[in-house]
Amino acid sequence: MKLGLLTIGQPPRNDIVSTFESVLSDDIELIQKGALDSLSEEELDEVRATDEEVTYVSKLRNGQSIKISEDKLVPLLKKELKDLEKQVDMVVMLCTGDFPMLNYNKPIIYPDKVLTNMVDALNFNQKMGLLIPLEEQREKITEKWNRINTNKNVHLMMIQNNWI
C-alpha cells in the first residue's frame, strides 16, 4: 500500500513522517507532497499571507517557516493532491486546518475533521487546551472550537513557530 502525506508547506517533513513510520508496517510506502512543492522563491513571496488574510503556517525545505494565505493555499493543495492521487492509495493531510473538502477520488484523512468530531463526541465538561502557532490565528481557532464545544471551556496557548 502507498500512503500519501500532503503538507501545506514543502516536504520532507521527517519530523512528522517518523511518527508514521514508527506505527505503520514496513509494507506501507509513504510518499510526501507539499502544496508549495512547485513554487520558486519568487512565487513563495506571492503566497505569503498579509495581515488581513486567513493564515496558515508551515515549513519550507530549508527549515524556515512560511505564513501562507488560505485563499492562495487551497488551489495549490488541489493541484498537488491531483498529482499525488496518481501515486497512492489514500492520503493523510498533514495539517489540522479547517480546509474545504478537496475533490479526490481516493480516501483522504483530514486530522481537523477527526479531532473536531472526536472532541464533540466526548461527553465531559472539562477545560480544553489548544496549542496555536500564530497570534493571528487566535480568533478563528477560538470561534471554531467554541462552536464545537459549547459546554466546554477552551483555553488557547501559543507555541513558538519553530515547532511548526
N, C-alpha and C. Protein backbone atom coordinates (compact mmCIF):
# COMPACT_ATOMS: atom_id res chain seq x y z
N MET A 1 0.84 -1.18 0.00
CA MET A 1 0.00 0.00 0.00
C MET A 1 0.88 1.25 0.00
N LYS A 2 0.42 2.27 -0.70
CA LYS A 2 1.12 3.54 -0.73
C LYS A 2 0.23 4.61 -0.08
N LEU A 3 0.80 5.28 0.92
CA LEU A 3 0.09 6.31 1.67
C LEU A 3 0.71 7.66 1.37
N GLY A 4 -0.11 8.59 0.89
CA GLY A 4 0.36 9.93 0.61
C GLY A 4 0.24 10.81 1.84
N LEU A 5 1.26 11.60 2.07
CA LEU A 5 1.26 12.57 3.16
C LEU A 5 1.37 13.95 2.53
N LEU A 6 0.30 14.73 2.64
CA LEU A 6 0.24 16.03 1.98
C LEU A 6 0.38 17.14 3.02
N THR A 7 1.46 17.90 2.91
CA THR A 7 1.70 19.02 3.80
C THR A 7 1.32 20.32 3.11
N ILE A 8 1.04 21.35 3.90
CA ILE A 8 0.72 22.64 3.30
C ILE A 8 1.98 23.42 2.95
N GLY A 9 3.12 22.91 3.36
CA GLY A 9 4.40 23.55 3.05
C GLY A 9 5.16 22.74 2.01
N GLN A 10 6.41 22.40 2.37
CA GLN A 10 7.25 21.61 1.47
C GLN A 10 7.83 20.42 2.23
N PRO A 11 7.82 19.24 1.61
CA PRO A 11 8.50 18.11 2.22
C PRO A 11 10.00 18.22 1.98
N PRO A 12 10.82 17.45 2.66
CA PRO A 12 10.40 16.38 3.54
C PRO A 12 9.99 16.91 4.93
N ARG A 13 9.00 16.26 5.53
CA ARG A 13 8.58 16.55 6.89
C ARG A 13 8.94 15.35 7.76
N ASN A 14 10.26 15.11 7.88
CA ASN A 14 10.73 13.95 8.63
C ASN A 14 10.32 14.00 10.10
N ASP A 15 10.07 15.21 10.62
CA ASP A 15 9.61 15.34 11.99
C ASP A 15 8.25 14.68 12.19
N ILE A 16 7.43 14.68 11.16
CA ILE A 16 6.10 14.08 11.23
C ILE A 16 6.14 12.65 10.68
N VAL A 17 6.87 12.45 9.61
CA VAL A 17 6.93 11.13 8.96
C VAL A 17 7.49 10.07 9.91
N SER A 18 8.42 10.44 10.76
CA SER A 18 8.99 9.46 11.69
C SER A 18 7.92 8.86 12.59
N THR A 19 6.91 9.63 12.95
CA THR A 19 5.82 9.11 13.76
C THR A 19 5.02 8.07 12.97
N PHE A 20 4.72 8.38 11.72
CA PHE A 20 4.01 7.41 10.87
C PHE A 20 4.82 6.13 10.73
N GLU A 21 6.11 6.27 10.48
CA GLU A 21 6.98 5.10 10.29
C GLU A 21 7.04 4.24 11.55
N SER A 22 6.94 4.85 12.70
CA SER A 22 7.05 4.09 13.95
C SER A 22 5.80 3.26 14.24
N VAL A 23 4.65 3.58 13.63
CA VAL A 23 3.43 2.85 13.92
C VAL A 23 2.89 2.04 12.74
N LEU A 24 3.35 2.33 11.54
CA LEU A 24 2.86 1.61 10.36
C LEU A 24 3.77 0.44 10.03
N SER A 25 3.21 -0.56 9.38
CA SER A 25 4.02 -1.71 8.99
C SER A 25 4.97 -1.32 7.86
N ASP A 26 6.00 -2.12 7.71
CA ASP A 26 7.05 -1.84 6.71
C ASP A 26 6.54 -1.95 5.28
N ASP A 27 5.40 -2.62 5.06
CA ASP A 27 4.92 -2.76 3.70
C ASP A 27 4.08 -1.57 3.23
N ILE A 28 3.99 -0.52 4.05
CA ILE A 28 3.31 0.71 3.65
C ILE A 28 4.36 1.74 3.24
N GLU A 29 4.30 2.12 1.99
CA GLU A 29 5.23 3.11 1.47
C GLU A 29 4.64 4.51 1.64
N LEU A 30 5.44 5.41 2.21
CA LEU A 30 5.00 6.78 2.42
C LEU A 30 5.53 7.68 1.31
N ILE A 31 4.64 8.45 0.71
CA ILE A 31 5.02 9.38 -0.35
C ILE A 31 4.60 10.78 0.09
N GLN A 32 5.57 11.68 0.18
CA GLN A 32 5.31 13.04 0.64
C GLN A 32 5.16 14.01 -0.52
N LYS A 33 4.19 14.91 -0.39
CA LYS A 33 4.00 16.02 -1.32
C LYS A 33 3.66 17.24 -0.49
N GLY A 34 3.90 18.39 -1.09
CA GLY A 34 3.56 19.63 -0.41
C GLY A 34 2.91 20.63 -1.34
N ALA A 35 2.03 21.43 -0.78
CA ALA A 35 1.32 22.43 -1.59
C ALA A 35 2.28 23.40 -2.26
N LEU A 36 3.43 23.62 -1.65
CA LEU A 36 4.39 24.61 -2.16
C LEU A 36 5.53 23.98 -2.95
N ASP A 37 5.41 22.69 -3.28
CA ASP A 37 6.49 21.96 -3.96
C ASP A 37 6.98 22.63 -5.24
N SER A 38 6.07 23.07 -6.05
CA SER A 38 6.46 23.54 -7.38
C SER A 38 6.77 25.04 -7.44
N LEU A 39 6.77 25.72 -6.31
CA LEU A 39 6.96 27.17 -6.32
C LEU A 39 8.43 27.58 -6.21
N SER A 40 8.78 28.59 -6.98
CA SER A 40 10.12 29.18 -6.88
C SER A 40 10.16 30.14 -5.69
N GLU A 41 11.34 30.67 -5.38
CA GLU A 41 11.47 31.64 -4.28
C GLU A 41 10.56 32.84 -4.52
N GLU A 42 10.51 33.32 -5.75
CA GLU A 42 9.66 34.47 -6.07
C GLU A 42 8.18 34.13 -5.90
N GLU A 43 7.80 32.93 -6.31
CA GLU A 43 6.40 32.51 -6.18
C GLU A 43 6.02 32.30 -4.72
N LEU A 44 6.97 31.90 -3.90
CA LEU A 44 6.70 31.76 -2.46
C LEU A 44 6.31 33.11 -1.87
N ASP A 45 6.96 34.16 -2.31
CA ASP A 45 6.61 35.50 -1.83
C ASP A 45 5.17 35.86 -2.16
N GLU A 46 4.68 35.36 -3.28
CA GLU A 46 3.32 35.68 -3.72
C GLU A 46 2.25 34.98 -2.90
N VAL A 47 2.58 33.87 -2.22
CA VAL A 47 1.58 33.15 -1.42
C VAL A 47 1.61 33.53 0.05
N ARG A 48 2.57 34.37 0.42
CA ARG A 48 2.66 34.79 1.82
C ARG A 48 1.40 35.56 2.21
N ALA A 49 0.94 35.31 3.43
CA ALA A 49 -0.28 35.95 3.91
C ALA A 49 -0.01 37.39 4.33
N THR A 50 -0.99 38.23 4.09
CA THR A 50 -0.97 39.59 4.61
C THR A 50 -1.71 39.58 5.95
N ASP A 51 -1.66 40.69 6.65
CA ASP A 51 -2.30 40.78 7.96
C ASP A 51 -3.81 40.57 7.89
N GLU A 52 -4.41 40.85 6.75
CA GLU A 52 -5.86 40.78 6.61
C GLU A 52 -6.36 39.39 6.20
N GLU A 53 -5.47 38.50 5.82
CA GLU A 53 -5.88 37.20 5.28
C GLU A 53 -5.87 36.11 6.34
N VAL A 54 -6.70 35.07 6.11
CA VAL A 54 -6.65 33.88 6.94
C VAL A 54 -5.29 33.23 6.68
N THR A 55 -4.60 32.90 7.76
CA THR A 55 -3.20 32.49 7.67
C THR A 55 -2.98 31.07 8.17
N TYR A 56 -2.15 30.34 7.43
CA TYR A 56 -1.64 29.04 7.86
C TYR A 56 -0.13 29.17 7.91
N VAL A 57 0.51 28.31 8.67
CA VAL A 57 1.96 28.35 8.76
C VAL A 57 2.50 26.94 8.59
N SER A 58 3.61 26.83 7.88
CA SER A 58 4.25 25.54 7.67
C SER A 58 5.74 25.74 7.45
N LYS A 59 6.41 24.63 7.19
CA LYS A 59 7.85 24.65 6.97
C LYS A 59 8.18 24.55 5.50
N LEU A 60 9.30 25.17 5.16
CA LEU A 60 9.88 25.03 3.83
C LEU A 60 11.01 24.01 3.91
N ARG A 61 11.52 23.58 2.75
CA ARG A 61 12.62 22.62 2.72
C ARG A 61 13.84 23.10 3.50
N ASN A 62 14.06 24.41 3.48
CA ASN A 62 15.23 24.95 4.15
C ASN A 62 15.05 25.07 5.67
N GLY A 63 13.91 24.63 6.18
CA GLY A 63 13.66 24.64 7.62
C GLY A 63 12.99 25.91 8.12
N GLN A 64 12.90 26.91 7.28
CA GLN A 64 12.25 28.15 7.70
C GLN A 64 10.73 28.00 7.66
N SER A 65 10.05 28.84 8.45
CA SER A 65 8.59 28.86 8.44
C SER A 65 8.09 29.83 7.39
N ILE A 66 6.88 29.58 6.92
CA ILE A 66 6.23 30.49 5.98
C ILE A 66 4.77 30.63 6.40
N LYS A 67 4.29 31.86 6.42
CA LYS A 67 2.88 32.14 6.66
C LYS A 67 2.20 32.20 5.29
N ILE A 68 1.18 31.37 5.11
CA ILE A 68 0.56 31.19 3.81
C ILE A 68 -0.89 31.68 3.85
N SER A 69 -1.29 32.38 2.81
CA SER A 69 -2.67 32.82 2.66
C SER A 69 -3.56 31.62 2.33
N GLU A 70 -4.66 31.47 3.04
CA GLU A 70 -5.58 30.37 2.77
C GLU A 70 -6.11 30.41 1.34
N ASP A 71 -6.46 31.60 0.87
CA ASP A 71 -7.00 31.73 -0.49
C ASP A 71 -6.02 31.27 -1.55
N LYS A 72 -4.73 31.47 -1.30
CA LYS A 72 -3.71 31.06 -2.27
C LYS A 72 -3.29 29.60 -2.06
N LEU A 73 -3.49 29.11 -0.84
CA LEU A 73 -3.08 27.76 -0.49
C LEU A 73 -3.99 26.69 -1.09
N VAL A 74 -5.29 26.88 -1.00
CA VAL A 74 -6.24 25.83 -1.41
C VAL A 74 -6.04 25.40 -2.87
N PRO A 75 -5.89 26.33 -3.84
CA PRO A 75 -5.65 25.87 -5.22
C PRO A 75 -4.35 25.08 -5.37
N LEU A 76 -3.33 25.44 -4.60
CA LEU A 76 -2.07 24.71 -4.65
C LEU A 76 -2.23 23.31 -4.07
N LEU A 77 -2.99 23.19 -2.99
CA LEU A 77 -3.27 21.86 -2.42
C LEU A 77 -4.01 20.99 -3.42
N LYS A 78 -4.99 21.56 -4.10
CA LYS A 78 -5.76 20.81 -5.09
C LYS A 78 -4.86 20.28 -6.20
N LYS A 79 -3.94 21.10 -6.66
CA LYS A 79 -3.03 20.71 -7.73
C LYS A 79 -2.13 19.55 -7.29
N GLU A 80 -1.52 19.69 -6.11
CA GLU A 80 -0.62 18.64 -5.63
C GLU A 80 -1.38 17.37 -5.27
N LEU A 81 -2.59 17.51 -4.76
CA LEU A 81 -3.40 16.34 -4.44
C LEU A 81 -3.74 15.56 -5.71
N LYS A 82 -4.03 16.27 -6.79
CA LYS A 82 -4.32 15.62 -8.07
C LYS A 82 -3.13 14.80 -8.54
N ASP A 83 -1.93 15.34 -8.40
CA ASP A 83 -0.72 14.60 -8.77
C ASP A 83 -0.48 13.42 -7.83
N LEU A 84 -0.71 13.64 -6.55
CA LEU A 84 -0.48 12.60 -5.55
C LEU A 84 -1.44 11.43 -5.75
N GLU A 85 -2.65 11.73 -6.17
CA GLU A 85 -3.68 10.71 -6.37
C GLU A 85 -3.22 9.62 -7.35
N LYS A 86 -2.39 9.99 -8.30
CA LYS A 86 -1.90 9.04 -9.30
C LYS A 86 -0.89 8.06 -8.71
N GLN A 87 -0.34 8.39 -7.54
CA GLN A 87 0.75 7.60 -6.97
C GLN A 87 0.38 6.78 -5.75
N VAL A 88 -0.74 7.09 -5.08
CA VAL A 88 -1.03 6.49 -3.78
C VAL A 88 -2.43 5.90 -3.71
N ASP A 89 -2.67 5.13 -2.62
CA ASP A 89 -3.97 4.52 -2.39
C ASP A 89 -4.87 5.38 -1.50
N MET A 90 -4.26 6.18 -0.64
CA MET A 90 -5.00 7.11 0.20
C MET A 90 -4.06 8.20 0.68
N VAL A 91 -4.64 9.27 1.25
CA VAL A 91 -3.85 10.43 1.66
C VAL A 91 -4.22 10.86 3.07
N VAL A 92 -3.21 11.32 3.79
CA VAL A 92 -3.42 11.98 5.08
C VAL A 92 -2.96 13.42 4.92
N MET A 93 -3.83 14.34 5.26
CA MET A 93 -3.50 15.76 5.24
C MET A 93 -2.67 16.06 6.48
N LEU A 94 -1.50 16.66 6.32
CA LEU A 94 -0.63 16.94 7.45
C LEU A 94 -0.86 18.37 7.97
N CYS A 95 -2.09 18.65 8.31
CA CYS A 95 -2.44 19.96 8.85
C CYS A 95 -3.79 19.82 9.55
N THR A 96 -3.95 20.49 10.67
CA THR A 96 -5.24 20.46 11.37
C THR A 96 -6.09 21.67 11.03
N GLY A 97 -5.73 22.36 9.94
CA GLY A 97 -6.55 23.47 9.49
C GLY A 97 -7.90 22.99 8.98
N ASP A 98 -8.85 23.91 8.98
CA ASP A 98 -10.20 23.62 8.54
C ASP A 98 -10.33 23.89 7.05
N PHE A 99 -9.96 22.91 6.24
CA PHE A 99 -9.97 23.06 4.79
C PHE A 99 -11.30 22.62 4.20
N PRO A 100 -11.65 23.20 3.07
CA PRO A 100 -12.83 22.68 2.37
C PRO A 100 -12.50 21.27 1.89
N MET A 101 -13.52 20.47 1.74
CA MET A 101 -13.28 19.12 1.24
C MET A 101 -12.72 19.23 -0.17
N LEU A 102 -11.56 18.66 -0.36
CA LEU A 102 -10.91 18.70 -1.67
C LEU A 102 -11.45 17.56 -2.53
N ASN A 103 -11.60 17.82 -3.81
CA ASN A 103 -12.11 16.82 -4.73
C ASN A 103 -11.04 15.76 -4.96
N TYR A 104 -11.32 14.54 -4.51
CA TYR A 104 -10.34 13.47 -4.54
C TYR A 104 -11.08 12.16 -4.70
N ASN A 105 -10.55 11.27 -5.50
CA ASN A 105 -11.25 10.02 -5.80
C ASN A 105 -10.85 8.86 -4.90
N LYS A 106 -9.94 9.08 -3.99
CA LYS A 106 -9.48 8.04 -3.06
C LYS A 106 -9.67 8.57 -1.64
N PRO A 107 -9.57 7.68 -0.65
CA PRO A 107 -9.77 8.14 0.73
C PRO A 107 -8.74 9.20 1.14
N ILE A 108 -9.22 10.21 1.85
CA ILE A 108 -8.34 11.24 2.41
C ILE A 108 -8.75 11.48 3.86
N ILE A 109 -7.76 11.51 4.72
CA ILE A 109 -8.00 11.73 6.15
C ILE A 109 -7.63 13.17 6.47
N TYR A 110 -8.61 13.89 7.02
CA TYR A 110 -8.41 15.26 7.47
C TYR A 110 -8.30 15.24 8.99
N PRO A 111 -7.12 15.46 9.56
CA PRO A 111 -6.99 15.46 11.02
C PRO A 111 -7.94 16.43 11.71
N ASP A 112 -8.23 17.56 11.07
CA ASP A 112 -9.17 18.51 11.65
C ASP A 112 -10.54 17.87 11.86
N LYS A 113 -11.02 17.15 10.86
CA LYS A 113 -12.34 16.51 10.96
C LYS A 113 -12.33 15.42 12.04
N VAL A 114 -11.24 14.66 12.09
CA VAL A 114 -11.12 13.60 13.10
C VAL A 114 -11.14 14.21 14.50
N LEU A 115 -10.32 15.23 14.72
CA LEU A 115 -10.23 15.84 16.05
C LEU A 115 -11.51 16.53 16.48
N THR A 116 -12.09 17.34 15.59
CA THR A 116 -13.28 18.09 15.99
C THR A 116 -14.46 17.15 16.27
N ASN A 117 -14.62 16.12 15.46
CA ASN A 117 -15.71 15.18 15.71
C ASN A 117 -15.47 14.34 16.96
N MET A 118 -14.22 13.97 17.21
CA MET A 118 -13.91 13.21 18.41
C MET A 118 -14.19 14.03 19.67
N VAL A 119 -13.71 15.27 19.68
CA VAL A 119 -13.91 16.12 20.85
C VAL A 119 -15.40 16.42 21.03
N ASP A 120 -16.09 16.67 19.95
CA ASP A 120 -17.53 16.94 20.03
C ASP A 120 -18.29 15.74 20.60
N ALA A 121 -17.82 14.54 20.29
CA ALA A 121 -18.50 13.34 20.77
C ALA A 121 -18.23 13.05 22.24
N LEU A 122 -17.18 13.61 22.79
CA LEU A 122 -16.88 13.38 24.20
C LEU A 122 -17.91 14.09 25.06
N ASN A 123 -18.37 13.40 26.07
CA ASN A 123 -19.38 13.97 26.95
C ASN A 123 -18.72 14.31 28.29
N PHE A 124 -18.04 15.43 28.31
CA PHE A 124 -17.41 15.87 29.55
C PHE A 124 -17.42 17.40 29.59
N ASN A 125 -17.36 17.92 30.79
CA ASN A 125 -17.35 19.36 30.96
C ASN A 125 -16.03 19.75 31.61
N GLN A 126 -14.99 19.70 30.82
CA GLN A 126 -13.65 19.98 31.30
C GLN A 126 -13.04 21.10 30.47
N LYS A 127 -11.97 21.65 30.98
CA LYS A 127 -11.22 22.63 30.20
C LYS A 127 -10.49 21.91 29.08
N MET A 128 -10.40 22.58 27.94
CA MET A 128 -9.67 22.02 26.81
C MET A 128 -8.60 23.03 26.40
N GLY A 129 -7.37 22.58 26.31
CA GLY A 129 -6.29 23.46 25.88
C GLY A 129 -5.93 23.21 24.43
N LEU A 130 -5.67 24.29 23.71
CA LEU A 130 -5.26 24.20 22.32
C LEU A 130 -3.95 24.93 22.13
N LEU A 131 -3.06 24.34 21.37
CA LEU A 131 -1.81 25.00 21.02
C LEU A 131 -1.97 25.61 19.64
N ILE A 132 -1.69 26.90 19.53
CA ILE A 132 -1.79 27.55 18.22
C ILE A 132 -0.45 28.19 17.90
N PRO A 133 -0.06 28.13 16.63
CA PRO A 133 1.27 28.64 16.27
C PRO A 133 1.34 30.15 16.06
N LEU A 134 0.24 30.79 15.69
CA LEU A 134 0.29 32.21 15.34
C LEU A 134 -0.78 32.99 16.07
N GLU A 135 -0.43 34.16 16.55
CA GLU A 135 -1.40 35.02 17.21
C GLU A 135 -2.56 35.36 16.28
N GLU A 136 -2.26 35.56 14.99
CA GLU A 136 -3.31 35.93 14.05
C GLU A 136 -4.32 34.80 13.80
N GLN A 137 -4.05 33.61 14.30
CA GLN A 137 -4.98 32.50 14.18
C GLN A 137 -5.91 32.39 15.39
N ARG A 138 -5.62 33.13 16.43
CA ARG A 138 -6.34 33.01 17.71
C ARG A 138 -7.85 33.17 17.54
N GLU A 139 -8.30 34.22 16.91
CA GLU A 139 -9.73 34.49 16.82
C GLU A 139 -10.47 33.39 16.06
N LYS A 140 -9.95 33.01 14.91
CA LYS A 140 -10.62 31.99 14.09
C LYS A 140 -10.65 30.64 14.83
N ILE A 141 -9.56 30.27 15.46
CA ILE A 141 -9.50 28.99 16.16
C ILE A 141 -10.40 29.01 17.39
N THR A 142 -10.42 30.11 18.11
CA THR A 142 -11.30 30.21 19.28
C THR A 142 -12.76 30.06 18.87
N GLU A 143 -13.16 30.77 17.82
CA GLU A 143 -14.54 30.67 17.33
C GLU A 143 -14.88 29.24 16.93
N LYS A 144 -13.98 28.61 16.22
CA LYS A 144 -14.22 27.24 15.75
C LYS A 144 -14.44 26.29 16.92
N TRP A 145 -13.55 26.31 17.89
CA TRP A 145 -13.64 25.35 18.98
C TRP A 145 -14.76 25.70 19.95
N ASN A 146 -15.07 26.95 20.12
CA ASN A 146 -16.22 27.30 20.96
C ASN A 146 -17.52 26.85 20.30
N ARG A 147 -17.59 26.89 18.99
CA ARG A 147 -18.77 26.42 18.25
C ARG A 147 -18.93 24.90 18.43
N ILE A 148 -17.83 24.19 18.40
CA ILE A 148 -17.86 22.73 18.53
C ILE A 148 -18.09 22.32 19.98
N ASN A 149 -17.51 23.06 20.89
CA ASN A 149 -17.51 22.67 22.30
C ASN A 149 -18.33 23.64 23.14
N THR A 150 -19.61 23.68 22.90
CA THR A 150 -20.45 24.67 23.56
C THR A 150 -20.50 24.50 25.08
N ASN A 151 -20.25 23.31 25.58
CA ASN A 151 -20.30 23.11 27.02
C ASN A 151 -18.92 22.94 27.65
N LYS A 152 -17.90 23.27 26.92
CA LYS A 152 -16.54 23.12 27.43
C LYS A 152 -15.84 24.46 27.46
N ASN A 153 -14.83 24.57 28.26
CA ASN A 153 -14.03 25.80 28.34
C ASN A 153 -12.79 25.64 27.48
N VAL A 154 -12.64 26.51 26.48
CA VAL A 154 -11.50 26.45 25.58
C VAL A 154 -10.43 27.44 26.03
N HIS A 155 -9.22 26.96 26.18
CA HIS A 155 -8.08 27.80 26.54
C HIS A 155 -7.01 27.63 25.48
N LEU A 156 -6.55 28.74 24.94
CA LEU A 156 -5.53 28.69 23.90
C LEU A 156 -4.17 29.03 24.48
N MET A 157 -3.15 28.36 23.97
CA MET A 157 -1.78 28.61 24.38
C MET A 157 -0.94 28.77 23.13
N MET A 158 -0.12 29.77 23.09
CA MET A 158 0.74 29.99 21.94
C MET A 158 1.93 29.02 22.00
N ILE A 159 2.36 28.58 20.83
CA ILE A 159 3.60 27.83 20.72
C ILE A 159 4.54 28.59 19.82
N GLN A 160 5.79 28.30 19.91
CA GLN A 160 6.76 29.01 19.07
C GLN A 160 6.72 28.46 17.66
N ASN A 161 6.95 29.38 16.68
CA ASN A 161 6.88 28.98 15.27
C ASN A 161 7.83 27.85 14.92
N ASN A 162 8.93 27.69 15.63
CA ASN A 162 9.88 26.65 15.24
C ASN A 162 9.34 25.25 15.53
N TRP A 163 8.20 25.13 16.14
CA TRP A 163 7.55 23.83 16.33
C TRP A 163 6.81 23.41 15.08
N ILE A 164 6.51 24.33 14.20
CA ILE A 164 5.67 24.05 13.04
C ILE A 164 6.42 23.16 12.08
